[in-house]
Structure formats: structure tokens, C-alpha cells
Amino acid sequence: MTALLIFWLLVILTTGALVGLRVLLDDDPTGDDGYRPPASHEVDTFSRSGSSWH
């Protein structure tokens, strides 16, 4: 019974450590976590840049 308890404790601790490492290593700000650029830098996709004027 003690061996089974130790086994499950190790499984839980190992899973927690792996999830924690995954969170630390996957720090891509443009990932699937809904990253949006700051509101102070709004981008107008239809605005003309200076080079498009003739």
C-alpha cells in the first residue's frame, strides 16, 4: 500500500514539474494566448504609407 502511495505521489510531482517546465519554455508572446498589441499603437490597415503617394 505504501509503495502504491509513493508511486502516485511521484506521478503527480513529475506531471507538475513537466507542466511547469512547459510553461516556462513556451514563452512565445504571439502564441495561442490571445496576444494583442498595445492599444496605444493602433494599426490602420487601410491607411496609406508615405511611399504610396505619387
N, C-alpha and C. Protein backbone atom coordinates (compact mmCIF):
# COMPACT_ATOMS: atom_id res chain seq x y z
N MET A 1 0.83 -1.20 0.00
CA MET A 1 0.00 0.00 0.00
C MET A 1 0.87 1.26 0.00
N THR A 2 1.94 1.22 0.77
CA THR A 2 2.84 2.37 0.83
C THR A 2 3.53 2.59 -0.51
N ALA A 3 3.90 1.49 -1.18
CA ALA A 3 4.56 1.62 -2.48
C ALA A 3 3.61 2.25 -3.51
N LEU A 4 2.35 1.89 -3.46
CA LEU A 4 1.38 2.47 -4.38
C LEU A 4 1.19 3.96 -4.12
N LEU A 5 1.16 4.34 -2.86
CA LEU A 5 1.04 5.74 -2.50
C LEU A 5 2.25 6.54 -2.96
N ILE A 6 3.43 6.00 -2.77
CA ILE A 6 4.66 6.66 -3.22
C ILE A 6 4.67 6.78 -4.74
N PHE A 7 4.22 5.74 -5.44
CA PHE A 7 4.17 5.76 -6.90
C PHE A 7 3.28 6.90 -7.39
N TRP A 8 2.06 7.01 -6.84
CA TRP A 8 1.15 8.06 -7.28
C TRP A 8 1.65 9.45 -6.90
N LEU A 9 2.31 9.56 -5.78
CA LEU A 9 2.90 10.84 -5.39
C LEU A 9 3.98 11.25 -6.39
N LEU A 10 4.81 10.30 -6.80
CA LEU A 10 5.84 10.61 -7.79
C LEU A 10 5.23 10.96 -9.15
N VAL A 11 4.17 10.28 -9.53
CA VAL A 11 3.49 10.60 -10.79
C VAL A 11 2.95 12.02 -10.76
N ILE A 12 2.32 12.40 -9.67
CA ILE A 12 1.76 13.75 -9.55
C ILE A 12 2.86 14.80 -9.55
N LEU A 13 3.93 14.57 -8.82
CA LEU A 13 5.03 15.53 -8.77
C LEU A 13 5.72 15.66 -10.13
N THR A 14 5.93 14.55 -10.82
CA THR A 14 6.57 14.58 -12.13
C THR A 14 5.69 15.33 -13.14
N THR A 15 4.40 15.07 -13.10
CA THR A 15 3.48 15.77 -14.01
C THR A 15 3.49 17.27 -13.74
N GLY A 16 3.46 17.65 -12.49
CA GLY A 16 3.51 19.07 -12.15
C GLY A 16 4.80 19.73 -12.60
N ALA A 17 5.92 19.03 -12.43
CA ALA A 17 7.20 19.59 -12.86
C ALA A 17 7.25 19.75 -14.38
N LEU A 18 6.74 18.77 -15.12
CA LEU A 18 6.75 18.85 -16.58
C LEU A 18 5.84 19.96 -17.09
N VAL A 19 4.69 20.13 -16.47
CA VAL A 19 3.79 21.21 -16.87
C VAL A 19 4.43 22.56 -16.57
N GLY A 20 5.09 22.68 -15.43
CA GLY A 20 5.77 23.92 -15.09
C GLY A 20 6.89 24.24 -16.05
N LEU A 21 7.67 23.25 -16.44
CA LEU A 21 8.74 23.48 -17.41
C LEU A 21 8.18 23.86 -18.77
N ARG A 22 7.08 23.26 -19.14
CA ARG A 22 6.47 23.60 -20.43
C ARG A 22 6.00 25.06 -20.45
N VAL A 23 5.45 25.51 -19.35
CA VAL A 23 5.00 26.90 -19.27
C VAL A 23 6.20 27.85 -19.33
N LEU A 24 7.28 27.49 -18.67
CA LEU A 24 8.46 28.35 -18.68
C LEU A 24 9.13 28.39 -20.05
N LEU A 25 9.18 27.26 -20.74
CA LEU A 25 9.88 27.20 -22.02
C LEU A 25 9.03 27.73 -23.16
N ASP A 26 7.72 27.74 -23.03
CA ASP A 26 6.83 28.20 -24.08
C ASP A 26 6.39 29.63 -23.77
N ASP A 27 7.32 30.58 -23.92
CA ASP A 27 7.01 31.96 -23.60
C ASP A 27 6.88 32.82 -24.85
N ASP A 28 6.36 32.24 -25.93
CA ASP A 28 6.14 32.98 -27.16
C ASP A 28 4.95 33.92 -26.97
N PRO A 29 5.16 35.24 -27.01
CA PRO A 29 4.05 36.16 -26.76
C PRO A 29 3.00 36.16 -27.85
N THR A 30 3.33 35.64 -29.02
CA THR A 30 2.35 35.62 -30.11
C THR A 30 1.69 34.26 -30.24
N GLY A 31 1.76 33.46 -29.21
CA GLY A 31 1.18 32.13 -29.25
C GLY A 31 -0.33 32.15 -29.17
N ASP A 32 -0.91 31.09 -28.69
CA ASP A 32 -2.35 30.95 -28.66
C ASP A 32 -2.99 31.57 -27.42
N ASP A 33 -2.28 32.44 -26.75
CA ASP A 33 -2.82 33.00 -25.52
C ASP A 33 -3.52 34.34 -25.74
N GLY A 34 -3.90 34.64 -26.96
CA GLY A 34 -4.67 35.84 -27.24
C GLY A 34 -3.86 37.12 -27.17
N TYR A 35 -2.62 37.11 -27.62
CA TYR A 35 -1.79 38.31 -27.58
C TYR A 35 -2.35 39.38 -28.50
N ARG A 36 -2.42 40.61 -27.99
CA ARG A 36 -2.82 41.75 -28.80
C ARG A 36 -1.79 42.85 -28.59
N PRO A 37 -1.46 43.59 -29.65
CA PRO A 37 -0.52 44.70 -29.47
C PRO A 37 -1.14 45.78 -28.59
N PRO A 38 -0.33 46.63 -28.00
CA PRO A 38 -0.85 47.68 -27.13
C PRO A 38 -1.83 48.59 -27.87
N ALA A 39 -2.83 49.08 -27.17
CA ALA A 39 -3.85 49.92 -27.79
C ALA A 39 -3.29 51.28 -28.20
N SER A 40 -2.17 51.69 -27.62
CA SER A 40 -1.60 52.98 -27.97
C SER A 40 -0.99 52.98 -29.36
N HIS A 41 -0.81 51.81 -29.95
CA HIS A 41 -0.23 51.70 -31.28
C HIS A 41 -1.24 51.04 -32.21
N GLU A 42 -2.34 51.72 -32.42
CA GLU A 42 -3.36 51.15 -33.30
C GLU A 42 -2.85 51.11 -34.73
N VAL A 43 -3.20 50.06 -35.42
CA VAL A 43 -2.76 49.88 -36.80
C VAL A 43 -3.96 50.00 -37.71
N ASP A 44 -3.90 50.96 -38.63
CA ASP A 44 -4.95 51.10 -39.62
C ASP A 44 -4.47 50.43 -40.90
N THR A 45 -5.06 49.28 -41.22
CA THR A 45 -4.59 48.51 -42.37
C THR A 45 -4.92 49.19 -43.69
N PHE A 46 -5.83 50.16 -43.69
CA PHE A 46 -6.21 50.83 -44.93
C PHE A 46 -5.53 52.19 -45.10
N SER A 47 -4.71 52.57 -44.15
CA SER A 47 -4.03 53.87 -44.28
C SER A 47 -2.89 53.75 -45.28
N ARG A 48 -2.63 54.84 -45.97
CA ARG A 48 -1.55 54.85 -46.96
C ARG A 48 -0.26 55.25 -46.27
N SER A 49 0.79 54.56 -46.64
CA SER A 49 2.09 54.96 -46.12
C SER A 49 2.63 56.07 -47.02
N GLY A 50 3.67 56.73 -46.59
CA GLY A 50 4.24 57.82 -47.37
C GLY A 50 4.75 57.38 -48.73
N SER A 51 5.17 56.13 -48.85
CA SER A 51 5.74 55.67 -50.11
C SER A 51 4.67 55.40 -51.16
N SER A 52 3.40 55.32 -50.77
CA SER A 52 2.36 55.00 -51.75
C SER A 52 1.84 56.25 -52.47
N TRP A 53 2.19 57.42 -51.96
CA TRP A 53 1.73 58.65 -52.61
C TRP A 53 2.63 58.97 -53.80
N HIS A 54 2.03 59.35 -54.90
CA HIS A 54 2.82 59.67 -56.10
C HIS A 54 2.78 61.15 -56.35
